[in-house]
Amino acid sequence: MVKEFYSMKNRCSPESLLSIILGLRKQQKECVRSMGFGSLLKIKITDVPLKLGFYILQNFDSERMVIDVEGKELKVTAESVHDMLGIPTGGTILTQLDQWPKDDTSYDEWYQQFKE
């Protein structure tokens, strides 16, 4: 089982996220900031050591939402994630939003503003 974790790949590497962030135009960055996610624009991480990810997976208790770090518990809460990454807490629960009708043109209209 250990070998499986060491060979695992993820779908969205930090390098991919950084590439997307660096490729955003000024107006797109302003939209990200206006939604409360401006702190993510400051992320400059290109790699997460595989051993670190493995350590967290091995020491994370999903029922209690804690990571055991050498006998001390680090609670994982919305607030702790906010404190570390600046991601907003609260707001709208996405899974509770109504589905958009298939004939809605809002996305196309929104997307057109970035076609400069």
PDB file of N, CA and C in Angstrom:
ATOM      1  N   MET A   1       0.815  -1.195   0.000  1.00  0.00           N
ATOM      2  CA  MET A   1       0.000   0.000   0.000  1.00  0.00           C
ATOM      3  C   MET A   1       0.865   1.268   0.000  1.00  0.00           C
ATOM      4  N   VAL A   2       1.944   1.261   0.705  1.00  0.00           N
ATOM      5  CA  VAL A   2       2.828   2.422   0.762  1.00  0.00           C
ATOM      6  C   VAL A   2       3.315   2.775  -0.638  1.00  0.00           C
ATOM      7  N   LYS A   3       3.689   1.781  -1.433  1.00  0.00           N
ATOM      8  CA  LYS A   3       4.185   2.050  -2.772  1.00  0.00           C
ATOM      9  C   LYS A   3       3.125   2.721  -3.629  1.00  0.00           C
ATOM     10  N   GLU A   4       1.849   2.379  -3.407  1.00  0.00           N
ATOM     11  CA  GLU A   4       0.772   3.007  -4.182  1.00  0.00           C
ATOM     12  C   GLU A   4       0.744   4.511  -3.947  1.00  0.00           C
ATOM     13  N   PHE A   5       0.894   4.945  -2.698  1.00  0.00           N
ATOM     14  CA  PHE A   5       0.861   6.367  -2.401  1.00  0.00           C
ATOM     15  C   PHE A   5       2.059   7.078  -3.014  1.00  0.00           C
ATOM     16  N   TYR A   6       3.227   6.442  -2.995  1.00  0.00           N
ATOM     17  CA  TYR A   6       4.401   7.087  -3.534  1.00  0.00           C
ATOM     18  C   TYR A   6       4.343   7.224  -5.046  1.00  0.00           C
ATOM     19  N   SER A   7       3.510   6.419  -5.695  1.00  0.00           N
ATOM     20  CA  SER A   7       3.430   6.520  -7.148  1.00  0.00           C
ATOM     21  C   SER A   7       2.170   7.244  -7.610  1.00  0.00           C
ATOM     22  N   MET A   8       1.374   7.737  -6.660  1.00  0.00           N
ATOM     23  CA  MET A   8       0.124   8.375  -7.062  1.00  0.00           C
ATOM     24  C   MET A   8       0.382   9.718  -7.740  1.00  0.00           C
ATOM     25  N   LYS A   9      -0.492  10.056  -8.638  1.00  0.00           N
ATOM     26  CA  LYS A   9      -0.430  11.333  -9.349  1.00  0.00           C
ATOM     27  C   LYS A   9      -1.705  12.102  -9.020  1.00  0.00           C
ATOM     28  N   ASN A  10      -1.619  13.415  -9.082  1.00  0.00           N
ATOM     29  CA  ASN A  10      -2.834  14.192  -8.882  1.00  0.00           C
ATOM     30  C   ASN A  10      -3.207  14.880 -10.183  1.00  0.00           C
ATOM     31  N   ARG A  11      -4.431  15.326 -10.247  1.00  0.00           N
ATOM     32  CA  ARG A  11      -4.930  15.937 -11.479  1.00  0.00           C
ATOM     33  C   ARG A  11      -4.647  17.421 -11.569  1.00  0.00           C
ATOM     34  N   CYS A  12      -4.427  18.053 -10.448  1.00  0.00           N
ATOM     35  CA  CYS A  12      -4.172  19.495 -10.468  1.00  0.00           C
ATOM     36  C   CYS A  12      -2.953  19.786  -9.599  1.00  0.00           C
ATOM     37  N   SER A  13      -1.825  19.821 -10.221  1.00  0.00           N
ATOM     38  CA  SER A  13      -0.594  20.081  -9.482  1.00  0.00           C
ATOM     39  C   SER A  13      -0.525  21.562  -9.117  1.00  0.00           C
ATOM     40  N   PRO A  14       0.246  21.882  -8.074  1.00  0.00           N
ATOM     41  CA  PRO A  14       0.434  23.298  -7.738  1.00  0.00           C
ATOM     42  C   PRO A  14       1.009  24.085  -8.908  1.00  0.00           C
ATOM     43  N   GLU A  15       1.854  23.440  -9.707  1.00  0.00           N
ATOM     44  CA  GLU A  15       2.437  24.107 -10.866  1.00  0.00           C
ATOM     45  C   GLU A  15       1.352  24.491 -11.881  1.00  0.00           C
ATOM     46  N   SER A  16       0.356  23.619 -12.057  1.00  0.00           N
ATOM     47  CA  SER A  16      -0.756  23.925 -12.967  1.00  0.00           C
ATOM     48  C   SER A  16      -1.558  25.113 -12.453  1.00  0.00           C
ATOM     49  N   LEU A  17      -1.820  25.120 -11.144  1.00  0.00           N
ATOM     50  CA  LEU A  17      -2.559  26.231 -10.551  1.00  0.00           C
ATOM     51  C   LEU A  17      -1.787  27.531 -10.718  1.00  0.00           C
ATOM     52  N   LEU A  18      -0.486  27.502 -10.470  1.00  0.00           N
ATOM     53  CA  LEU A  18       0.338  28.702 -10.626  1.00  0.00           C
ATOM     54  C   LEU A  18       0.311  29.188 -12.071  1.00  0.00           C
ATOM     55  N   SER A  19       0.361  28.263 -13.011  1.00  0.00           N
ATOM     56  CA  SER A  19       0.319  28.621 -14.429  1.00  0.00           C
ATOM     57  C   SER A  19      -0.995  29.330 -14.771  1.00  0.00           C
ATOM     58  N   ILE A  20      -2.089  28.829 -14.226  1.00  0.00           N
ATOM     59  CA  ILE A  20      -3.389  29.463 -14.456  1.00  0.00           C
ATOM     60  C   ILE A  20      -3.416  30.863 -13.852  1.00  0.00           C
ATOM     61  N   ILE A  21      -2.932  30.985 -12.619  1.00  0.00           N
ATOM     62  CA  ILE A  21      -2.924  32.280 -11.935  1.00  0.00           C
ATOM     63  C   ILE A  21      -2.094  33.291 -12.719  1.00  0.00           C
ATOM     64  N   LEU A  22      -0.914  32.873 -13.166  1.00  0.00           N
ATOM     65  CA  LEU A  22      -0.042  33.790 -13.907  1.00  0.00           C
ATOM     66  C   LEU A  22      -0.634  34.170 -15.258  1.00  0.00           C
ATOM     67  N   GLY A  23      -1.517  33.337 -15.803  1.00  0.00           N
ATOM     68  CA  GLY A  23      -2.121  33.603 -17.102  1.00  0.00           C
ATOM     69  C   GLY A  23      -3.372  34.466 -17.045  1.00  0.00           C
ATOM     70  N   LEU A  24      -3.857  34.769 -15.832  1.00  0.00           N
ATOM     71  CA  LEU A  24      -5.062  35.597 -15.716  1.00  0.00           C
ATOM     72  C   LEU A  24      -4.767  37.044 -16.099  1.00  0.00           C
ATOM     73  N   ARG A  25      -5.721  37.642 -16.787  1.00  0.00           N
ATOM     74  CA  ARG A  25      -5.610  39.069 -17.108  1.00  0.00           C
ATOM     75  C   ARG A  25      -6.009  39.893 -15.877  1.00  0.00           C
ATOM     76  N   LYS A  26      -5.687  41.170 -15.902  1.00  0.00           N
ATOM     77  CA  LYS A  26      -5.951  42.058 -14.770  1.00  0.00           C
ATOM     78  C   LYS A  26      -7.433  42.023 -14.372  1.00  0.00           C
ATOM     79  N   GLN A  27      -8.300  42.072 -15.349  1.00  0.00           N
ATOM     80  CA  GLN A  27      -9.734  42.090 -15.071  1.00  0.00           C
ATOM     81  C   GLN A  27     -10.184  40.765 -14.436  1.00  0.00           C
ATOM     82  N   GLN A  28      -9.614  39.666 -14.875  1.00  0.00           N
ATOM     83  CA  GLN A  28      -9.949  38.372 -14.294  1.00  0.00           C
ATOM     84  C   GLN A  28      -9.473  38.300 -12.843  1.00  0.00           C
ATOM     85  N   LYS A  29      -8.280  38.841 -12.582  1.00  0.00           N
ATOM     86  CA  LYS A  29      -7.765  38.857 -11.208  1.00  0.00           C
ATOM     87  C   LYS A  29      -8.652  39.701 -10.307  1.00  0.00           C
ATOM     88  N   GLU A  30      -9.152  40.805 -10.833  1.00  0.00           N
ATOM     89  CA  GLU A  30     -10.063  41.648 -10.055  1.00  0.00           C
ATOM     90  C   GLU A  30     -11.340  40.890  -9.702  1.00  0.00           C
ATOM     91  N   CYS A  31     -11.836  40.079 -10.629  1.00  0.00           N
ATOM     92  CA  CYS A  31     -13.028  39.262 -10.356  1.00  0.00           C
ATOM     93  C   CYS A  31     -12.746  38.267  -9.237  1.00  0.00           C
ATOM     94  N   VAL A  32     -11.568  37.636  -9.283  1.00  0.00           N
ATOM     95  CA  VAL A  32     -11.181  36.678  -8.244  1.00  0.00           C
ATOM     96  C   VAL A  32     -11.124  37.395  -6.894  1.00  0.00           C
ATOM     97  N   ARG A  33     -10.526  38.575  -6.869  1.00  0.00           N
ATOM     98  CA  ARG A  33     -10.445  39.347  -5.624  1.00  0.00           C
ATOM     99  C   ARG A  33     -11.834  39.733  -5.118  1.00  0.00           C
ATOM    100  N   SER A  34     -12.713  40.145  -6.035  1.00  0.00           N
ATOM    101  CA  SER A  34     -14.049  40.593  -5.622  1.00  0.00           C
ATOM    102  C   SER A  34     -14.874  39.456  -5.019  1.00  0.00           C
ATOM    103  N   MET A  35     -14.525  38.206  -5.356  1.00  0.00           N
ATOM    104  CA  MET A  35     -15.226  37.051  -4.785  1.00  0.00           C
ATOM    105  C   MET A  35     -14.608  36.617  -3.457  1.00  0.00           C
ATOM    106  N   GLY A  36     -13.519  37.279  -3.031  1.00  0.00           N
ATOM    107  CA  GLY A  36     -12.903  36.959  -1.753  1.00  0.00           C
ATOM    108  C   GLY A  36     -11.767  35.951  -1.837  1.00  0.00           C
ATOM    109  N   PHE A  37     -11.301  35.644  -3.055  1.00  0.00           N
ATOM    110  CA  PHE A  37     -10.252  34.653  -3.221  1.00  0.00           C
ATOM    111  C   PHE A  37      -8.917  35.277  -3.651  1.00  0.00           C
ATOM    112  N   GLY A  38      -8.724  36.557  -3.363  1.00  0.00           N
ATOM    113  CA  GLY A  38      -7.513  37.251  -3.773  1.00  0.00           C
ATOM    114  C   GLY A  38      -6.243  36.651  -3.208  1.00  0.00           C
ATOM    115  N   SER A  39      -6.318  36.055  -2.029  1.00  0.00           N
ATOM    116  CA  SER A  39      -5.112  35.461  -1.433  1.00  0.00           C
ATOM    117  C   SER A  39      -4.572  34.320  -2.290  1.00  0.00           C
ATOM    118  N   LEU A  40      -5.427  33.644  -3.038  1.00  0.00           N
ATOM    119  CA  LEU A  40      -4.965  32.557  -3.898  1.00  0.00           C
ATOM    120  C   LEU A  40      -4.093  33.073  -5.039  1.00  0.00           C
ATOM    121  N   LEU A  41      -4.268  34.346  -5.395  1.00  0.00           N
ATOM    122  CA  LEU A  41      -3.449  34.926  -6.458  1.00  0.00           C
ATOM    123  C   LEU A  41      -1.996  35.095  -6.029  1.00  0.00           C
ATOM    124  N   LYS A  42      -1.735  35.027  -4.723  1.00  0.00           N
ATOM    125  CA  LYS A  42      -0.380  35.201  -4.194  1.00  0.00           C
ATOM    126  C   LYS A  42       0.377  33.880  -4.069  1.00  0.00           C
ATOM    127  N   ILE A  43      -0.282  32.759  -4.313  1.00  0.00           N
ATOM    128  CA  ILE A  43       0.362  31.457  -4.171  1.00  0.00           C
ATOM    129  C   ILE A  43       1.446  31.304  -5.234  1.00  0.00           C
ATOM    130  N   LYS A  44       2.618  30.915  -4.800  1.00  0.00           N
ATOM    131  CA  LYS A  44       3.756  30.741  -5.713  1.00  0.00           C
ATOM    132  C   LYS A  44       4.339  29.321  -5.604  1.00  0.00           C
ATOM    133  N   ILE A  45       3.556  28.379  -5.115  1.00  0.00           N
ATOM    134  CA  ILE A  45       4.023  27.001  -4.926  1.00  0.00           C
ATOM    135  C   ILE A  45       3.999  26.268  -6.262  1.00  0.00           C
ATOM    136  N   THR A  46       5.098  25.607  -6.587  1.00  0.00           N
ATOM    137  CA  THR A  46       5.152  24.836  -7.831  1.00  0.00           C
ATOM    138  C   THR A  46       5.176  23.338  -7.588  1.00  0.00           C
ATOM    139  N   ASP A  47       5.420  22.927  -6.331  1.00  0.00           N
ATOM    140  CA  ASP A  47       5.536  21.500  -6.054  1.00  0.00           C
ATOM    141  C   ASP A  47       5.227  21.233  -4.591  1.00  0.00           C
ATOM    142  N   VAL A  48       4.595  20.094  -4.325  1.00  0.00           N
ATOM    143  CA  VAL A  48       4.387  19.628  -2.962  1.00  0.00           C
ATOM    144  C   VAL A  48       5.148  18.311  -2.851  1.00  0.00           C
ATOM    145  N   PRO A  49       6.122  18.238  -1.955  1.00  0.00           N
ATOM    146  CA  PRO A  49       6.884  16.997  -1.834  1.00  0.00           C
ATOM    147  C   PRO A  49       5.956  15.801  -1.585  1.00  0.00           C
ATOM    148  N   LEU A  50       6.166  14.739  -2.325  1.00  0.00           N
ATOM    149  CA  LEU A  50       5.313  13.559  -2.232  1.00  0.00           C
ATOM    150  C   LEU A  50       5.283  13.011  -0.812  1.00  0.00           C
ATOM    151  N   LYS A  51       6.415  13.056  -0.121  1.00  0.00           N
ATOM    152  CA  LYS A  51       6.458  12.541   1.250  1.00  0.00           C
ATOM    153  C   LYS A  51       5.568  13.355   2.178  1.00  0.00           C
ATOM    154  N   LEU A  52       5.463  14.656   1.931  1.00  0.00           N
ATOM    155  CA  LEU A  52       4.594  15.504   2.755  1.00  0.00           C
ATOM    156  C   LEU A  52       3.135  15.113   2.554  1.00  0.00           C
ATOM    157  N   GLY A  53       2.725  14.968   1.290  1.00  0.00           N
ATOM    158  CA  GLY A  53       1.352  14.542   1.008  1.00  0.00           C
ATOM    159  C   GLY A  53       1.055  13.187   1.616  1.00  0.00           C
ATOM    160  N   PHE A  54       1.995  12.261   1.512  1.00  0.00           N
ATOM    161  CA  PHE A  54       1.833  10.927   2.081  1.00  0.00           C
ATOM    162  C   PHE A  54       1.711  11.006   3.595  1.00  0.00           C
ATOM    163  N   TYR A  55       2.540  11.823   4.229  1.00  0.00           N
ATOM    164  CA  TYR A  55       2.509  11.986   5.684  1.00  0.00           C
ATOM    165  C   TYR A  55       1.133  12.495   6.135  1.00  0.00           C
ATOM    166  N   ILE A  56       0.630  13.493   5.430  1.00  0.00           N
ATOM    167  CA  ILE A  56      -0.674  14.053   5.797  1.00  0.00           C
ATOM    168  C   ILE A  56      -1.766  13.004   5.635  1.00  0.00           C
ATOM    169  N   LEU A  57      -1.748  12.265   4.532  1.00  0.00           N
ATOM    170  CA  LEU A  57      -2.748  11.212   4.323  1.00  0.00           C
ATOM    171  C   LEU A  57      -2.681  10.147   5.410  1.00  0.00           C
ATOM    172  N   GLN A  58      -1.491   9.766   5.795  1.00  0.00           N
ATOM    173  CA  GLN A  58      -1.314   8.734   6.810  1.00  0.00           C
ATOM    174  C   GLN A  58      -1.753   9.202   8.199  1.00  0.00           C
ATOM    175  N   ASN A  59      -1.652  10.501   8.468  1.00  0.00           N
ATOM    176  CA  ASN A  59      -1.906  11.016   9.813  1.00  0.00           C
ATOM    177  C   ASN A  59      -3.200  11.823   9.934  1.00  0.00           C
ATOM    178  N   PHE A  60      -4.016  11.796   8.901  1.00  0.00           N
ATOM    179  CA  PHE A  60      -5.273  12.546   8.917  1.00  0.00           C
ATOM    180  C   PHE A  60      -6.411  11.646   9.375  1.00  0.00           C
ATOM    181  N   ASP A  61      -7.151  12.106  10.381  1.00  0.00           N
ATOM    182  CA  ASP A  61      -8.334  11.401  10.886  1.00  0.00           C
ATOM    183  C   ASP A  61      -9.553  12.156  10.350  1.00  0.00           C
ATOM    184  N   SER A  62     -10.193  11.584   9.330  1.00  0.00           N
ATOM    185  CA  SER A  62     -11.302  12.284   8.671  1.00  0.00           C
ATOM    186  C   SER A  62     -12.557  12.348   9.525  1.00  0.00           C
ATOM    187  N   GLU A  63     -12.699  11.450  10.470  1.00  0.00           N
ATOM    188  CA  GLU A  63     -13.872  11.499  11.345  1.00  0.00           C
ATOM    189  C   GLU A  63     -13.767  12.644  12.342  1.00  0.00           C
ATOM    190  N   ARG A  64     -12.566  12.858  12.861  1.00  0.00           N
ATOM    191  CA  ARG A  64     -12.363  13.928  13.843  1.00  0.00           C
ATOM    192  C   ARG A  64     -11.814  15.193  13.210  1.00  0.00           C
ATOM    193  N   MET A  65     -11.433  15.119  11.929  1.00  0.00           N
ATOM    194  CA  MET A  65     -10.882  16.258  11.195  1.00  0.00           C
ATOM    195  C   MET A  65      -9.643  16.832  11.884  1.00  0.00           C
ATOM    196  N   VAL A  66      -8.681  15.943  12.150  1.00  0.00           N
ATOM    197  CA  VAL A  66      -7.421  16.361  12.753  1.00  0.00           C
ATOM    198  C   VAL A  66      -6.272  15.670  12.032  1.00  0.00           C
ATOM    199  N   ILE A  67      -5.118  16.324  12.037  1.00  0.00           N
ATOM    200  CA  ILE A  67      -3.880  15.728  11.552  1.00  0.00           C
ATOM    201  C   ILE A  67      -2.986  15.550  12.776  1.00  0.00           C
ATOM    202  N   ASP A  68      -2.507  14.333  12.993  1.00  0.00           N
ATOM    203  CA  ASP A  68      -1.605  14.054  14.100  1.00  0.00           C
ATOM    204  C   ASP A  68      -0.188  14.415  13.653  1.00  0.00           C
ATOM    205  N   VAL A  69       0.385  15.402  14.315  1.00  0.00           N
ATOM    206  CA  VAL A  69       1.746  15.845  13.996  1.00  0.00           C
ATOM    207  C   VAL A  69       2.609  15.562  15.219  1.00  0.00           C
ATOM    208  N   GLU A  70       3.319  14.444  15.165  1.00  0.00           N
ATOM    209  CA  GLU A  70       4.210  14.034  16.249  1.00  0.00           C
ATOM    210  C   GLU A  70       3.520  14.078  17.605  1.00  0.00           C
ATOM    211  N   GLY A  71       2.315  13.502  17.668  1.00  0.00           N
ATOM    212  CA  GLY A  71       1.583  13.410  18.931  1.00  0.00           C
ATOM    213  C   GLY A  71       0.723  14.604  19.268  1.00  0.00           C
ATOM    214  N   LYS A  72       0.806  15.659  18.483  1.00  0.00           N
ATOM    215  CA  LYS A  72      -0.048  16.830  18.697  1.00  0.00           C
ATOM    216  C   LYS A  72      -1.079  16.875  17.582  1.00  0.00           C
ATOM    217  N   GLU A  73      -2.289  17.285  17.923  1.00  0.00           N
ATOM    218  CA  GLU A  73      -3.362  17.310  16.934  1.00  0.00           C
ATOM    219  C   GLU A  73      -3.546  18.696  16.336  1.00  0.00           C
ATOM    220  N   LEU A  74      -3.581  18.735  15.030  1.00  0.00           N
ATOM    221  CA  LEU A  74      -3.835  19.962  14.292  1.00  0.00           C
ATOM    222  C   LEU A  74      -5.254  19.851  13.735  1.00  0.00           C
ATOM    223  N   LYS A  75      -6.173  20.656  14.273  1.00  0.00           N
ATOM    224  CA  LYS A  75      -7.562  20.607  13.813  1.00  0.00           C
ATOM    225  C   LYS A  75      -7.690  21.240  12.436  1.00  0.00           C
ATOM    226  N   VAL A  76      -8.444  20.567  11.572  1.00  0.00           N
ATOM    227  CA  VAL A  76      -8.724  21.097  10.241  1.00  0.00           C
ATOM    228  C   VAL A  76     -10.167  21.593  10.265  1.00  0.00           C
ATOM    229  N   THR A  77     -10.307  22.910  10.205  1.00  0.00           N
ATOM    230  CA  THR A  77     -11.627  23.535  10.236  1.00  0.00           C
ATOM    231  C   THR A  77     -11.704  24.568   9.109  1.00  0.00           C
ATOM    232  N   ALA A  78     -12.892  25.050   8.869  1.00  0.00           N
ATOM    233  CA  ALA A  78     -13.045  26.116   7.880  1.00  0.00           C
ATOM    234  C   ALA A  78     -12.188  27.315   8.280  1.00  0.00           C
ATOM    235  N   GLU A  79     -12.132  27.589   9.569  1.00  0.00           N
ATOM    236  CA  GLU A  79     -11.359  28.721  10.053  1.00  0.00           C
ATOM    237  C   GLU A  79      -9.859  28.511   9.868  1.00  0.00           C
ATOM    238  N   SER A  80      -9.375  27.274  10.122  1.00  0.00           N
ATOM    239  CA  SER A  80      -7.933  27.040   9.967  1.00  0.00           C
ATOM    240  C   SER A  80      -7.525  27.104   8.498  1.00  0.00           C
ATOM    241  N   VAL A  81      -8.393  26.620   7.611  1.00  0.00           N
ATOM    242  CA  VAL A  81      -8.112  26.730   6.178  1.00  0.00           C
ATOM    243  C   VAL A  81      -8.119  28.204   5.766  1.00  0.00           C
ATOM    244  N   HIS A  82      -9.073  28.957   6.287  1.00  0.00           N
ATOM    245  CA  HIS A  82      -9.121  30.401   6.021  1.00  0.00           C
ATOM    246  C   HIS A  82      -7.837  31.082   6.510  1.00  0.00           C
ATOM    247  N   ASP A  83      -7.407  30.741   7.726  1.00  0.00           N
ATOM    248  CA  ASP A  83      -6.201  31.354   8.283  1.00  0.00           C
ATOM    249  C   ASP A  83      -4.967  31.045   7.449  1.00  0.00           C
ATOM    250  N   MET A  84      -4.882  29.825   6.908  1.00  0.00           N
ATOM    251  CA  MET A  84      -3.699  29.426   6.138  1.00  0.00           C
ATOM    252  C   MET A  84      -3.730  29.928   4.704  1.00  0.00           C
ATOM    253  N   LEU A  85      -4.903  29.858   4.063  1.00  0.00           N
ATOM    254  CA  LEU A  85      -4.981  30.162   2.630  1.00  0.00           C
ATOM    255  C   LEU A  85      -5.766  31.426   2.298  1.00  0.00           C
ATOM    256  N   GLY A  86      -6.457  31.972   3.283  1.00  0.00           N
ATOM    257  CA  GLY A  86      -7.245  33.170   3.029  1.00  0.00           C
ATOM    258  C   GLY A  86      -8.538  32.895   2.283  1.00  0.00           C
ATOM    259  N   ILE A  87      -8.935  31.635   2.191  1.00  0.00           N
ATOM    260  CA  ILE A  87     -10.181  31.282   1.503  1.00  0.00           C
ATOM    261  C   ILE A  87     -11.345  31.707   2.383  1.00  0.00           C
ATOM    262  N   PRO A  88     -12.353  32.370   1.802  1.00  0.00           N
ATOM    263  CA  PRO A  88     -13.480  32.837   2.612  1.00  0.00           C
ATOM    264  C   PRO A  88     -14.225  31.688   3.289  1.00  0.00           C
ATOM    265  N   THR A  89     -14.801  31.985   4.426  1.00  0.00           N
ATOM    266  CA  THR A  89     -15.656  31.013   5.111  1.00  0.00           C
ATOM    267  C   THR A  89     -17.094  31.483   4.989  1.00  0.00           C
ATOM    268  N   GLY A  90     -17.995  30.530   5.046  1.00  0.00           N
ATOM    269  CA  GLY A  90     -19.412  30.877   4.958  1.00  0.00           C
ATOM    270  C   GLY A  90     -19.823  31.127   3.522  1.00  0.00           C
ATOM    271  N   GLY A  91     -20.896  31.868   3.360  1.00  0.00           N
ATOM    272  CA  GLY A  91     -21.377  32.165   2.015  1.00  0.00           C
ATOM    273  C   GLY A  91     -22.365  31.134   1.529  1.00  0.00           C
ATOM    274  N   THR A  92     -22.401  30.945   0.236  1.00  0.00           N
ATOM    275  CA  THR A  92     -23.372  30.064  -0.400  1.00  0.00           C
ATOM    276  C   THR A  92     -22.835  28.640  -0.493  1.00  0.00           C
ATOM    277  N   ILE A  93     -23.664  27.684  -0.167  1.00  0.00           N
ATOM    278  CA  ILE A  93     -23.308  26.280  -0.330  1.00  0.00           C
ATOM    279  C   ILE A  93     -23.628  25.905  -1.770  1.00  0.00           C
ATOM    280  N   LEU A  94     -22.601  25.616  -2.545  1.00  0.00           N
ATOM    281  CA  LEU A  94     -22.763  25.416  -3.985  1.00  0.00           C
ATOM    282  C   LEU A  94     -23.719  24.287  -4.335  1.00  0.00           C
ATOM    283  N   THR A  95     -23.718  23.237  -3.541  1.00  0.00           N
ATOM    284  CA  THR A  95     -24.593  22.103  -3.856  1.00  0.00           C
ATOM    285  C   THR A  95     -26.064  22.432  -3.631  1.00  0.00           C
ATOM    286  N   GLN A  96     -26.353  23.544  -2.972  1.00  0.00           N
ATOM    287  CA  GLN A  96     -27.741  23.926  -2.736  1.00  0.00           C
ATOM    288  C   GLN A  96     -28.274  24.922  -3.769  1.00  0.00           C
ATOM    289  N   LEU A  97     -27.422  25.329  -4.710  1.00  0.00           N
ATOM    290  CA  LEU A  97     -27.866  26.248  -5.754  1.00  0.00           C
ATOM    291  C   LEU A  97     -28.727  25.520  -6.774  1.00  0.00           C
ATOM    292  N   ASP A  98     -29.677  26.217  -7.328  1.00  0.00           N
ATOM    293  CA  ASP A  98     -30.492  25.647  -8.396  1.00  0.00           C
ATOM    294  C   ASP A  98     -29.633  25.424  -9.632  1.00  0.00           C
ATOM    295  N   GLN A  99     -29.963  24.404 -10.404  1.00  0.00           N
ATOM    296  CA  GLN A  99     -29.268  24.156 -11.667  1.00  0.00           C
ATOM    297  C   GLN A  99     -29.659  25.243 -12.664  1.00  0.00           C
ATOM    298  N   TRP A 100     -28.711  25.660 -13.486  1.00  0.00           N
ATOM    299  CA  TRP A 100     -29.016  26.628 -14.536  1.00  0.00           C
ATOM    300  C   TRP A 100     -29.763  25.926 -15.655  1.00  0.00           C
ATOM    301  N   PRO A 101     -30.744  26.591 -16.231  1.00  0.00           N
ATOM    302  CA  PRO A 101     -31.417  25.999 -17.396  1.00  0.00           C
ATOM    303  C   PRO A 101     -30.430  25.902 -18.564  1.00  0.00           C
ATOM    304  N   LYS A 102     -30.576  24.888 -19.383  1.00  0.00           N
ATOM    305  CA  LYS A 102     -29.635  24.663 -20.490  1.00  0.00           C
ATOM    306  C   LYS A 102     -29.645  25.806 -21.497  1.00  0.00           C
ATOM    307  N   ASP A 103     -30.751  26.537 -21.605  1.00  0.00           N
ATOM    308  CA  ASP A 103     -30.817  27.621 -22.576  1.00  0.00           C
ATOM    309  C   ASP A 103     -30.360  28.969 -22.004  1.00  0.00           C
ATOM    310  N   ASP A 104     -29.851  28.979 -20.764  1.00  0.00           N
ATOM    311  CA  ASP A 104     -29.374  30.208 -20.139  1.00  0.00           C
ATOM    312  C   ASP A 104     -28.082  30.657 -20.828  1.00  0.00           C
ATOM    313  N   THR A 105     -27.990  31.925 -21.170  1.00  0.00           N
ATOM    314  CA  THR A 105     -26.818  32.454 -21.886  1.00  0.00           C
ATOM    315  C   THR A 105     -25.870  33.240 -20.966  1.00  0.00           C
ATOM    316  N   SER A 106     -26.102  33.195 -19.661  1.00  0.00           N
ATOM    317  CA  SER A 106     -25.295  33.979 -18.721  1.00  0.00           C
ATOM    318  C   SER A 106     -23.812  33.664 -18.830  1.00  0.00           C
ATOM    319  N   TYR A 107     -23.464  32.380 -18.921  1.00  0.00           N
ATOM    320  CA  TYR A 107     -22.054  32.007 -18.998  1.00  0.00           C
ATOM    321  C   TYR A 107     -21.418  32.595 -20.248  1.00  0.00           C
ATOM    322  N   ASP A 108     -22.086  32.464 -21.379  1.00  0.00           N
ATOM    323  CA  ASP A 108     -21.537  33.001 -22.629  1.00  0.00           C
ATOM    324  C   ASP A 108     -21.344  34.508 -22.547  1.00  0.00           C
ATOM    325  N   GLU A 109     -22.309  35.196 -21.952  1.00  0.00           N
ATOM    326  CA  GLU A 109     -22.198  36.649 -21.801  1.00  0.00           C
ATOM    327  C   GLU A 109     -21.039  37.002 -20.868  1.00  0.00           C
ATOM    328  N   TRP A 110     -20.890  36.255 -19.769  1.00  0.00           N
ATOM    329  CA  TRP A 110     -19.795  36.491 -18.834  1.00  0.00           C
ATOM    330  C   TRP A 110     -18.460  36.246 -19.532  1.00  0.00           C
ATOM    331  N   TYR A 111     -18.360  35.152 -20.281  1.00  0.00           N
ATOM    332  CA  TYR A 111     -17.118  34.785 -20.933  1.00  0.00           C
ATOM    333  C   TYR A 111     -16.697  35.810 -21.993  1.00  0.00           C
ATOM    334  N   GLN A 112     -17.637  36.413 -22.659  1.00  0.00           N
ATOM    335  CA  GLN A 112     -17.342  37.377 -23.730  1.00  0.00           C
ATOM    336  C   GLN A 112     -16.568  38.588 -23.193  1.00  0.00           C
ATOM    337  N   GLN A 113     -16.745  38.945 -21.929  1.00  0.00           N
ATOM    338  CA  GLN A 113     -16.057  40.116 -21.397  1.00  0.00           C
ATOM    339  C   GLN A 113     -14.542  39.908 -21.290  1.00  0.00           C
ATOM    340  N   PHE A 114     -14.076  38.659 -21.377  1.00  0.00           N
ATOM    341  CA  PHE A 114     -12.643  38.366 -21.252  1.00  0.00           C
ATOM    342  C   PHE A 114     -11.999  38.030 -22.594  1.00  0.00           C
ATOM    343  N   LYS A 115     -12.663  38.257 -23.679  1.00  0.00           N
ATOM    344  CA  LYS A 115     -12.156  37.867 -24.992  1.00  0.00           C
ATOM    345  C   LYS A 115     -11.243  38.903 -25.636  1.00  0.00           C
ATOM    346  N   GLU A 116     -10.882  39.953 -24.928  1.00  0.00           N
ATOM    347  CA  GLU A 116     -10.063  41.034 -25.494  1.00  0.00           C
ATOM    348  C   GLU A 116      -8.800  40.539 -26.105  1.00  0.00           C
TER     349      GLU A 116
END
